[in-house]
């Protein structure tokens, strides 16, 4: 009999080896989704779910990742458990980062997306393979992360759409989402004002927008929530006071007795 495995600490960030294992696992599953799924795109997907106006449950987002038939995507239950363990631990790390106030993205607590260093990756490829990858148009650092984020925004579009009369917040939301759309565009299609920033700067803008969106929806939901009505109980008479039922007996001998008091 194999020894019992210790329970996984879901608050423990993924190690470098586990990140590599997560990436390899995702590669085996990419044929199960219509979206070009890889570690970077999935990380953007996770980030957007955390920034969303409401909590989207696994029963809702997993079918969008792998289709309605999860057993077909994960014929091995151990593989599914492993995926969800990696996914949940990354979710918790991203959530912790976005919930921690920071002043600078270089701080240890700041969000660091899982991004592919395409410049180094392409440099190590044979020329024909490199040309093939470059022709596909996705070999730009941060692009897949932004596309994964926007996939959530567009899939749950109704959640991310504000009422027409709320023009100010709608405009603010558009400004916060703009860095993700900019990152998702090919370099050749960028507007002149976006070309003033290098790719690292545009990635930084999108990360800050993730922080802003997280707070934006918290503030918006809080502002629109109905006011809480405090629950007040009627003051109970002292045990030696006259019972309010009108019996003429003391409360402790009447409605406050052990037999009647609930």
C-alpha atoms as a PDB file:
ATOM      1  CA  UNK A   1       0.000   0.000   0.000  1.00  0.00           C
ATOM      2  CA  UNK A   2       1.373   3.418  -0.969  1.00  0.00           C
ATOM      3  CA  UNK A   3       1.727   5.948   1.826  1.00  0.00           C
ATOM      4  CA  UNK A   4      -1.010   8.566   2.123  1.00  0.00           C
ATOM      5  CA  UNK A   5      -0.076  11.792   0.363  1.00  0.00           C
ATOM      6  CA  UNK A   6      -0.139  14.872   2.575  1.00  0.00           C
ATOM      7  CA  UNK A   7      -2.939  17.337   1.718  1.00  0.00           C
ATOM      8  CA  UNK A   8      -1.969  20.113  -0.673  1.00  0.00           C
ATOM      9  CA  UNK A   9      -1.821  23.599   0.823  1.00  0.00           C
ATOM     10  CA  UNK A  10      -3.957  25.559  -1.652  1.00  0.00           C
ATOM     11  CA  UNK A  11      -2.538  28.846  -0.372  1.00  0.00           C
ATOM     12  CA  UNK A  12       1.000  27.807  -1.282  1.00  0.00           C
ATOM     13  CA  UNK A  13       2.253  29.582  -4.441  1.00  0.00           C
ATOM     14  CA  UNK A  14       3.378  27.324  -7.267  1.00  0.00           C
ATOM     15  CA  UNK A  15       7.092  26.604  -7.361  1.00  0.00           C
ATOM     16  CA  UNK A  16       9.042  26.998 -10.602  1.00  0.00           C
ATOM     17  CA  UNK A  17       8.927  23.233 -11.160  1.00  0.00           C
ATOM     18  CA  UNK A  18       5.179  23.214 -10.559  1.00  0.00           C
ATOM     19  CA  UNK A  19       4.696  26.108 -12.977  1.00  0.00           C
ATOM     20  CA  UNK A  20       6.512  24.066 -15.638  1.00  0.00           C
ATOM     21  CA  UNK A  21       4.372  21.028 -14.793  1.00  0.00           C
ATOM     22  CA  UNK A  22       1.212  23.166 -15.003  1.00  0.00           C
ATOM     23  CA  UNK A  23       2.275  24.458 -18.432  1.00  0.00           C
ATOM     24  CA  UNK A  24       2.910  20.907 -19.675  1.00  0.00           C
ATOM     25  CA  UNK A  25      -0.450  19.746 -18.358  1.00  0.00           C
ATOM     26  CA  UNK A  26      -2.234  22.603 -20.125  1.00  0.00           C
ATOM     27  CA  UNK A  27      -0.505  21.690 -23.391  1.00  0.00           C
ATOM     28  CA  UNK A  28      -2.052  18.217 -23.207  1.00  0.00           C
ATOM     29  CA  UNK A  29      -5.507  19.832 -22.852  1.00  0.00           C
ATOM     30  CA  UNK A  30      -5.322  22.599 -25.469  1.00  0.00           C
ATOM     31  CA  UNK A  31      -7.208  20.543 -28.075  1.00  0.00           C
ATOM     32  CA  UNK A  32     -10.254  20.476 -25.750  1.00  0.00           C
ATOM     33  CA  UNK A  33     -11.036  24.173 -26.121  1.00  0.00           C
ATOM     34  CA  UNK A  34     -11.814  26.496 -29.014  1.00  0.00           C
ATOM     35  CA  UNK A  35      -9.619  29.141 -27.371  1.00  0.00           C
ATOM     36  CA  UNK A  36      -5.826  28.824 -27.946  1.00  0.00           C
ATOM     37  CA  UNK A  37      -5.068  27.816 -24.378  1.00  0.00           C
ATOM     38  CA  UNK A  38      -1.611  27.963 -22.839  1.00  0.00           C
ATOM     39  CA  UNK A  39      -0.253  28.904 -19.417  1.00  0.00           C
ATOM     40  CA  UNK A  40      -0.100  32.621 -20.228  1.00  0.00           C
ATOM     41  CA  UNK A  41      -3.657  32.749 -21.602  1.00  0.00           C
ATOM     42  CA  UNK A  42      -5.017  30.734 -18.687  1.00  0.00           C
ATOM     43  CA  UNK A  43      -3.293  33.104 -16.268  1.00  0.00           C
ATOM     44  CA  UNK A  44      -5.072  36.030 -17.926  1.00  0.00           C
ATOM     45  CA  UNK A  45      -8.328  34.072 -17.696  1.00  0.00           C
ATOM     46  CA  UNK A  46      -7.806  33.512 -13.957  1.00  0.00           C
ATOM     47  CA  UNK A  47      -6.915  37.174 -13.400  1.00  0.00           C
ATOM     48  CA  UNK A  48     -10.067  38.376 -15.150  1.00  0.00           C
ATOM     49  CA  UNK A  49     -12.281  36.013 -13.167  1.00  0.00           C
ATOM     50  CA  UNK A  50     -10.859  37.490  -9.965  1.00  0.00           C
ATOM     51  CA  UNK A  51     -11.422  41.030 -11.290  1.00  0.00           C
ATOM     52  CA  UNK A  52     -14.996  40.226 -12.351  1.00  0.00           C
ATOM     53  CA  UNK A  53     -18.122  41.962 -11.044  1.00  0.00           C
ATOM     54  CA  UNK A  54     -19.273  38.711  -9.417  1.00  0.00           C
ATOM     55  CA  UNK A  55     -17.824  35.381  -8.364  1.00  0.00           C
ATOM     56  CA  UNK A  56     -17.972  32.951 -11.304  1.00  0.00           C
ATOM     57  CA  UNK A  57     -18.072  29.392 -10.022  1.00  0.00           C
ATOM     58  CA  UNK A  58     -16.099  26.432 -11.498  1.00  0.00           C
ATOM     59  CA  UNK A  59     -19.344  24.866 -12.710  1.00  0.00           C
ATOM     60  CA  UNK A  60     -19.742  27.936 -14.921  1.00  0.00           C
ATOM     61  CA  UNK A  61     -16.206  28.579 -16.188  1.00  0.00           C
ATOM     62  CA  UNK A  62     -14.917  25.016 -16.623  1.00  0.00           C
ATOM     63  CA  UNK A  63     -17.347  24.253 -19.489  1.00  0.00           C
ATOM     64  CA  UNK A  64     -16.047  27.349 -21.279  1.00  0.00           C
ATOM     65  CA  UNK A  65     -12.525  25.989 -20.933  1.00  0.00           C
ATOM     66  CA  UNK A  66     -13.090  22.337 -21.761  1.00  0.00           C
ATOM     67  CA  UNK A  67     -16.649  21.903 -23.009  1.00  0.00           C
ATOM     68  CA  UNK A  68     -19.666  20.443 -21.272  1.00  0.00           C
ATOM     69  CA  UNK A  69     -18.212  16.930 -21.083  1.00  0.00           C
ATOM     70  CA  UNK A  70     -15.432  17.203 -18.512  1.00  0.00           C
ATOM     71  CA  UNK A  71     -14.983  13.421 -18.482  1.00  0.00           C
ATOM     72  CA  UNK A  72     -13.967  13.585 -22.131  1.00  0.00           C
ATOM     73  CA  UNK A  73     -11.440  16.327 -21.394  1.00  0.00           C
ATOM     74  CA  UNK A  74     -10.183  14.573 -18.255  1.00  0.00           C
ATOM     75  CA  UNK A  75     -10.605  10.812 -18.732  1.00  0.00           C
ATOM     76  CA  UNK A  76      -8.191  10.372 -15.829  1.00  0.00           C
ATOM     77  CA  UNK A  77      -9.681  11.788 -12.576  1.00  0.00           C
ATOM     78  CA  UNK A  78      -6.166  12.144 -11.173  1.00  0.00           C
ATOM     79  CA  UNK A  79      -5.335  14.497 -14.044  1.00  0.00           C
ATOM     80  CA  UNK A  80      -8.404  16.621 -13.272  1.00  0.00           C
ATOM     81  CA  UNK A  81      -7.531  16.771  -9.579  1.00  0.00           C
ATOM     82  CA  UNK A  82      -4.002  17.816 -10.458  1.00  0.00           C
ATOM     83  CA  UNK A  83      -5.233  20.517 -12.826  1.00  0.00           C
ATOM     84  CA  UNK A  84      -7.661  21.933 -10.246  1.00  0.00           C
ATOM     85  CA  UNK A  85      -4.966  21.933  -7.579  1.00  0.00           C
ATOM     86  CA  UNK A  86      -2.614  23.950  -9.798  1.00  0.00           C
ATOM     87  CA  UNK A  87      -5.485  26.200 -10.952  1.00  0.00           C
ATOM     88  CA  UNK A  88      -6.740  26.903  -7.425  1.00  0.00           C
ATOM     89  CA  UNK A  89      -3.294  27.633  -6.046  1.00  0.00           C
ATOM     90  CA  UNK A  90      -2.637  30.091  -8.867  1.00  0.00           C
ATOM     91  CA  UNK A  91      -6.093  31.638  -8.344  1.00  0.00           C
ATOM     92  CA  UNK A  92      -5.307  32.180  -4.664  1.00  0.00           C
ATOM     93  CA  UNK A  93      -1.899  33.716  -5.442  1.00  0.00           C
ATOM     94  CA  UNK A  94      -3.380  36.152  -7.970  1.00  0.00           C
ATOM     95  CA  UNK A  95      -6.227  37.053  -5.611  1.00  0.00           C
ATOM     96  CA  UNK A  96      -3.806  37.687  -2.769  1.00  0.00           C
ATOM     97  CA  UNK A  97      -1.703  39.942  -4.987  1.00  0.00           C
ATOM     98  CA  UNK A  98      -4.707  41.955  -6.195  1.00  0.00           C
ATOM     99  CA  UNK A  99      -6.036  42.291  -2.647  1.00  0.00           C
ATOM    100  CA  UNK A 100      -2.733  43.677  -1.337  1.00  0.00           C
ATOM    101  CA  UNK A 101      -2.259  47.452  -1.684  1.00  0.00           C
ATOM    102  CA  UNK A 102       1.002  48.295  -3.454  1.00  0.00           C
ATOM    103  CA  UNK A 103       2.751  51.421  -4.674  1.00  0.00           C
ATOM    104  CA  UNK A 104       5.141  49.836  -7.146  1.00  0.00           C
ATOM    105  CA  UNK A 105       4.993  46.739  -9.365  1.00  0.00           C
ATOM    106  CA  UNK A 106       8.509  45.840  -8.236  1.00  0.00           C
ATOM    107  CA  UNK A 107       7.263  45.128  -4.712  1.00  0.00           C
ATOM    108  CA  UNK A 108       7.380  41.428  -3.723  1.00  0.00           C
ATOM    109  CA  UNK A 109       3.617  41.375  -3.114  1.00  0.00           C
ATOM    110  CA  UNK A 110       2.778  42.736  -6.584  1.00  0.00           C
ATOM    111  CA  UNK A 111       1.078  40.650  -9.256  1.00  0.00           C
ATOM    112  CA  UNK A 112       3.523  38.991 -11.637  1.00  0.00           C
ATOM    113  CA  UNK A 113       1.653  37.376 -14.570  1.00  0.00           C
ATOM    114  CA  UNK A 114       2.893  34.141 -16.131  1.00  0.00           C
ATOM    115  CA  UNK A 115       4.293  35.632 -19.339  1.00  0.00           C
ATOM    116  CA  UNK A 116       6.281  33.958 -22.105  1.00  0.00           C
ATOM    117  CA  UNK A 117       9.615  35.569 -22.928  1.00  0.00           C
ATOM    118  CA  UNK A 118       9.111  35.303 -26.674  1.00  0.00           C
ATOM    119  CA  UNK A 119      12.310  37.125 -27.564  1.00  0.00           C
ATOM    120  CA  UNK A 120      14.437  34.476 -25.834  1.00  0.00           C
ATOM    121  CA  UNK A 121      12.177  31.629 -26.933  1.00  0.00           C
ATOM    122  CA  UNK A 122      12.305  32.571 -30.608  1.00  0.00           C
ATOM    123  CA  UNK A 123      16.064  33.136 -30.465  1.00  0.00           C
ATOM    124  CA  UNK A 124      16.551  29.487 -29.473  1.00  0.00           C
ATOM    125  CA  UNK A 125      14.387  28.117 -32.304  1.00  0.00           C
ATOM    126  CA  UNK A 126      15.622  26.987 -35.723  1.00  0.00           C
ATOM    127  CA  UNK A 127      14.954  29.643 -38.344  1.00  0.00           C
ATOM    128  CA  UNK A 128      12.118  27.775 -40.169  1.00  0.00           C
ATOM    129  CA  UNK A 129      10.271  27.074 -36.909  1.00  0.00           C
ATOM    130  CA  UNK A 130      10.818  30.648 -35.728  1.00  0.00           C
ATOM    131  CA  UNK A 131       9.390  32.020 -38.984  1.00  0.00           C
ATOM    132  CA  UNK A 132       6.352  29.756 -38.657  1.00  0.00           C
ATOM    133  CA  UNK A 133       5.659  30.927 -35.100  1.00  0.00           C
ATOM    134  CA  UNK A 134       6.134  34.585 -35.989  1.00  0.00           C
ATOM    135  CA  UNK A 135       3.713  34.213 -38.902  1.00  0.00           C
ATOM    136  CA  UNK A 136       0.961  33.141 -36.505  1.00  0.00           C
ATOM    137  CA  UNK A 137       1.111  36.587 -34.889  1.00  0.00           C
ATOM    138  CA  UNK A 138       0.842  35.571 -31.239  1.00  0.00           C
ATOM    139  CA  UNK A 139       4.543  35.521 -30.325  1.00  0.00           C
ATOM    140  CA  UNK A 140       4.391  38.825 -28.455  1.00  0.00           C
ATOM    141  CA  UNK A 141       4.875  38.838 -24.692  1.00  0.00           C
ATOM    142  CA  UNK A 142       1.680  39.692 -22.841  1.00  0.00           C
ATOM    143  CA  UNK A 143      -0.612  39.164 -25.817  1.00  0.00           C
ATOM    144  CA  UNK A 144      -1.932  35.755 -24.737  1.00  0.00           C
ATOM    145  CA  UNK A 145      -2.392  37.017 -21.166  1.00  0.00           C
ATOM    146  CA  UNK A 146      -4.467  39.953 -22.421  1.00  0.00           C
ATOM    147  CA  UNK A 147      -6.486  37.690 -24.719  1.00  0.00           C
ATOM    148  CA  UNK A 148      -7.223  35.305 -21.848  1.00  0.00           C
ATOM    149  CA  UNK A 149      -8.387  38.260 -19.763  1.00  0.00           C
ATOM    150  CA  UNK A 150     -10.610  39.605 -22.536  1.00  0.00           C
ATOM    151  CA  UNK A 151     -12.049  36.149 -23.153  1.00  0.00           C
ATOM    152  CA  UNK A 152     -13.649  36.387 -19.716  1.00  0.00           C
ATOM    153  CA  UNK A 153     -14.872  39.946 -20.341  1.00  0.00           C
ATOM    154  CA  UNK A 154     -16.516  38.934 -23.611  1.00  0.00           C
ATOM    155  CA  UNK A 155     -17.867  35.577 -22.400  1.00  0.00           C
ATOM    156  CA  UNK A 156     -19.600  37.202 -19.426  1.00  0.00           C
ATOM    157  CA  UNK A 157     -20.339  40.411 -21.290  1.00  0.00           C
ATOM    158  CA  UNK A 158     -23.633  41.017 -19.471  1.00  0.00           C
ATOM    159  CA  UNK A 159     -21.803  41.091 -16.136  1.00  0.00           C
ATOM    160  CA  UNK A 160     -19.276  43.593 -17.451  1.00  0.00           C
ATOM    161  CA  UNK A 161     -21.881  45.906 -19.038  1.00  0.00           C
ATOM    162  CA  UNK A 162     -23.080  48.871 -17.008  1.00  0.00           C
ATOM    163  CA  UNK A 163     -26.491  50.513 -17.436  1.00  0.00           C
ATOM    164  CA  UNK A 164     -26.659  53.118 -20.215  1.00  0.00           C
ATOM    165  CA  UNK A 165     -27.484  55.861 -17.742  1.00  0.00           C
ATOM    166  CA  UNK A 166     -24.263  55.194 -15.802  1.00  0.00           C
ATOM    167  CA  UNK A 167     -22.120  56.984 -18.381  1.00  0.00           C
ATOM    168  CA  UNK A 168     -19.317  58.048 -16.062  1.00  0.00           C
ATOM    169  CA  UNK A 169     -18.614  54.564 -14.732  1.00  0.00           C
ATOM    170  CA  UNK A 170     -19.020  53.065 -18.209  1.00  0.00           C
ATOM    171  CA  UNK A 171     -16.353  55.435 -19.516  1.00  0.00           C
ATOM    172  CA  UNK A 172     -14.080  54.605 -16.572  1.00  0.00           C
ATOM    173  CA  UNK A 173     -14.525  50.890 -17.242  1.00  0.00           C
ATOM    174  CA  UNK A 174     -13.642  51.369 -20.900  1.00  0.00           C
ATOM    175  CA  UNK A 175     -10.445  53.221 -19.972  1.00  0.00           C
ATOM    176  CA  UNK A 176      -9.414  50.420 -17.581  1.00  0.00           C
ATOM    177  CA  UNK A 177     -10.002  47.716 -20.196  1.00  0.00           C
ATOM    178  CA  UNK A 178      -8.176  49.588 -22.952  1.00  0.00           C
ATOM    179  CA  UNK A 179      -4.650  48.380 -21.951  1.00  0.00           C
ATOM    180  CA  UNK A 180      -5.777  44.765 -22.429  1.00  0.00           C
ATOM    181  CA  UNK A 181      -7.153  45.463 -25.905  1.00  0.00           C
ATOM    182  CA  UNK A 182      -3.917  47.299 -26.740  1.00  0.00           C
ATOM    183  CA  UNK A 183      -1.817  44.305 -25.614  1.00  0.00           C
ATOM    184  CA  UNK A 184      -3.961  41.941 -27.658  1.00  0.00           C
ATOM    185  CA  UNK A 185      -3.447  43.911 -30.879  1.00  0.00           C
ATOM    186  CA  UNK A 186      -0.586  43.124 -33.276  1.00  0.00           C
ATOM    187  CA  UNK A 187       2.146  45.736 -33.159  1.00  0.00           C
ATOM    188  CA  UNK A 188       1.301  46.808 -36.727  1.00  0.00           C
ATOM    189  CA  UNK A 189      -2.256  47.747 -35.711  1.00  0.00           C
ATOM    190  CA  UNK A 190      -1.395  49.927 -32.723  1.00  0.00           C
ATOM    191  CA  UNK A 191      -2.513  53.548 -32.650  1.00  0.00           C
ATOM    192  CA  UNK A 192       0.200  56.186 -32.750  1.00  0.00           C
ATOM    193  CA  UNK A 193      -0.278  57.131 -29.094  1.00  0.00           C
ATOM    194  CA  UNK A 194       0.157  53.485 -28.052  1.00  0.00           C
ATOM    195  CA  UNK A 195       3.423  53.212 -29.953  1.00  0.00           C
ATOM    196  CA  UNK A 196       4.909  55.790 -27.588  1.00  0.00           C
ATOM    197  CA  UNK A 197       5.145  53.031 -24.954  1.00  0.00           C
ATOM    198  CA  UNK A 198       7.262  49.906 -25.266  1.00  0.00           C
ATOM    199  CA  UNK A 199       5.778  46.499 -24.599  1.00  0.00           C
ATOM    200  CA  UNK A 200       6.960  46.356 -20.986  1.00  0.00           C
ATOM    201  CA  UNK A 201       5.215  49.655 -20.291  1.00  0.00           C
ATOM    202  CA  UNK A 202       1.995  48.414 -21.900  1.00  0.00           C
ATOM    203  CA  UNK A 203       2.131  45.235 -19.810  1.00  0.00           C
ATOM    204  CA  UNK A 204       2.602  47.351 -16.677  1.00  0.00           C
ATOM    205  CA  UNK A 205      -0.441  49.443 -17.625  1.00  0.00           C
ATOM    206  CA  UNK A 206      -2.547  46.298 -17.956  1.00  0.00           C
ATOM    207  CA  UNK A 207      -1.376  44.987 -14.574  1.00  0.00           C
ATOM    208  CA  UNK A 208      -2.307  48.283 -12.915  1.00  0.00           C
ATOM    209  CA  UNK A 209      -5.670  48.086 -14.674  1.00  0.00           C
ATOM    210  CA  UNK A 210      -6.244  44.665 -13.097  1.00  0.00           C
ATOM    211  CA  UNK A 211      -5.791  46.285  -9.681  1.00  0.00           C
ATOM    212  CA  UNK A 212      -8.104  49.133 -10.666  1.00  0.00           C
ATOM    213  CA  UNK A 213     -10.786  46.784 -12.004  1.00  0.00           C
ATOM    214  CA  UNK A 214     -10.703  44.691  -8.841  1.00  0.00           C
ATOM    215  CA  UNK A 215     -11.341  47.807  -6.748  1.00  0.00           C
ATOM    216  CA  UNK A 216     -13.751  49.338  -9.262  1.00  0.00           C
ATOM    217  CA  UNK A 217     -16.206  46.458  -9.076  1.00  0.00           C
ATOM    218  CA  UNK A 218     -15.907  46.274  -5.300  1.00  0.00           C
ATOM    219  CA  UNK A 219     -16.783  49.969  -5.025  1.00  0.00           C
ATOM    220  CA  UNK A 220     -19.558  49.740  -7.618  1.00  0.00           C
ATOM    221  CA  UNK A 221     -21.195  46.722  -6.017  1.00  0.00           C
ATOM    222  CA  UNK A 222     -20.878  48.267  -2.572  1.00  0.00           C
ATOM    223  CA  UNK A 223     -22.437  51.530  -3.755  1.00  0.00           C
ATOM    224  CA  UNK A 224     -25.383  49.750  -5.408  1.00  0.00           C
ATOM    225  CA  UNK A 225     -26.039  47.254  -2.635  1.00  0.00           C
ATOM    226  CA  UNK A 226     -29.262  47.788  -0.669  1.00  0.00           C
ATOM    227  CA  UNK A 227     -28.650  49.213   2.793  1.00  0.00           C
ATOM    228  CA  UNK A 228     -28.496  46.672   5.573  1.00  0.00           C
ATOM    229  CA  UNK A 229     -31.337  46.874   8.083  1.00  0.00           C
ATOM    230  CA  UNK A 230     -30.095  46.023  11.562  1.00  0.00           C
ATOM    231  CA  UNK A 231     -32.015  43.291  13.340  1.00  0.00           C
ATOM    232  CA  UNK A 232     -33.280  44.628  16.621  1.00  0.00           C
ATOM    233  CA  UNK A 233     -34.823  42.485  19.303  1.00  0.00           C
ATOM    234  CA  UNK A 234     -37.265  43.878  21.805  1.00  0.00           C
ATOM    235  CA  UNK A 235     -35.676  44.484  25.178  1.00  0.00           C
ATOM    236  CA  UNK A 236     -36.348  41.576  27.507  1.00  0.00           C
ATOM    237  CA  UNK A 237     -37.663  42.503  30.973  1.00  0.00           C
ATOM    238  CA  UNK A 238     -35.551  41.764  34.034  1.00  0.00           C
ATOM    239  CA  UNK A 239     -36.346  38.495  35.767  1.00  0.00           C
ATOM    240  CA  UNK A 240     -37.709  40.256  38.844  1.00  0.00           C
ATOM    241  CA  UNK A 241     -39.838  42.715  36.851  1.00  0.00           C
ATOM    242  CA  UNK A 242     -43.528  42.205  36.232  1.00  0.00           C
ATOM    243  CA  UNK A 243     -44.231  40.000  33.196  1.00  0.00           C
ATOM    244  CA  UNK A 244     -45.420  42.074  30.198  1.00  0.00           C
ATOM    245  CA  UNK A 245     -48.103  39.480  29.422  1.00  0.00           C
ATOM    246  CA  UNK A 246     -50.323  41.016  32.146  1.00  0.00           C
ATOM    247  CA  UNK A 247     -50.526  37.949  34.381  1.00  0.00           C
ATOM    248  CA  UNK A 248     -49.480  39.923  37.445  1.00  0.00           C
ATOM    249  CA  UNK A 249     -46.601  37.507  38.100  1.00  0.00           C
ATOM    250  CA  UNK A 250     -42.882  38.265  37.956  1.00  0.00           C
ATOM    251  CA  UNK A 251     -41.258  37.553  34.602  1.00  0.00           C
ATOM    252  CA  UNK A 252     -39.120  34.727  36.087  1.00  0.00           C
ATOM    253  CA  UNK A 253     -42.270  32.989  37.345  1.00  0.00           C
ATOM    254  CA  UNK A 254     -44.217  33.450  34.122  1.00  0.00           C
ATOM    255  CA  UNK A 255     -43.020  33.827  30.493  1.00  0.00           C
ATOM    256  CA  UNK A 256     -39.384  33.920  31.613  1.00  0.00           C
ATOM    257  CA  UNK A 257     -39.552  30.547  33.349  1.00  0.00           C
ATOM    258  CA  UNK A 258     -37.380  27.705  32.069  1.00  0.00           C
ATOM    259  CA  UNK A 259     -40.478  25.887  30.800  1.00  0.00           C
ATOM    260  CA  UNK A 260     -41.687  28.806  28.654  1.00  0.00           C
ATOM    261  CA  UNK A 261     -38.531  30.698  27.756  1.00  0.00           C
ATOM    262  CA  UNK A 262     -37.199  29.846  24.290  1.00  0.00           C
END
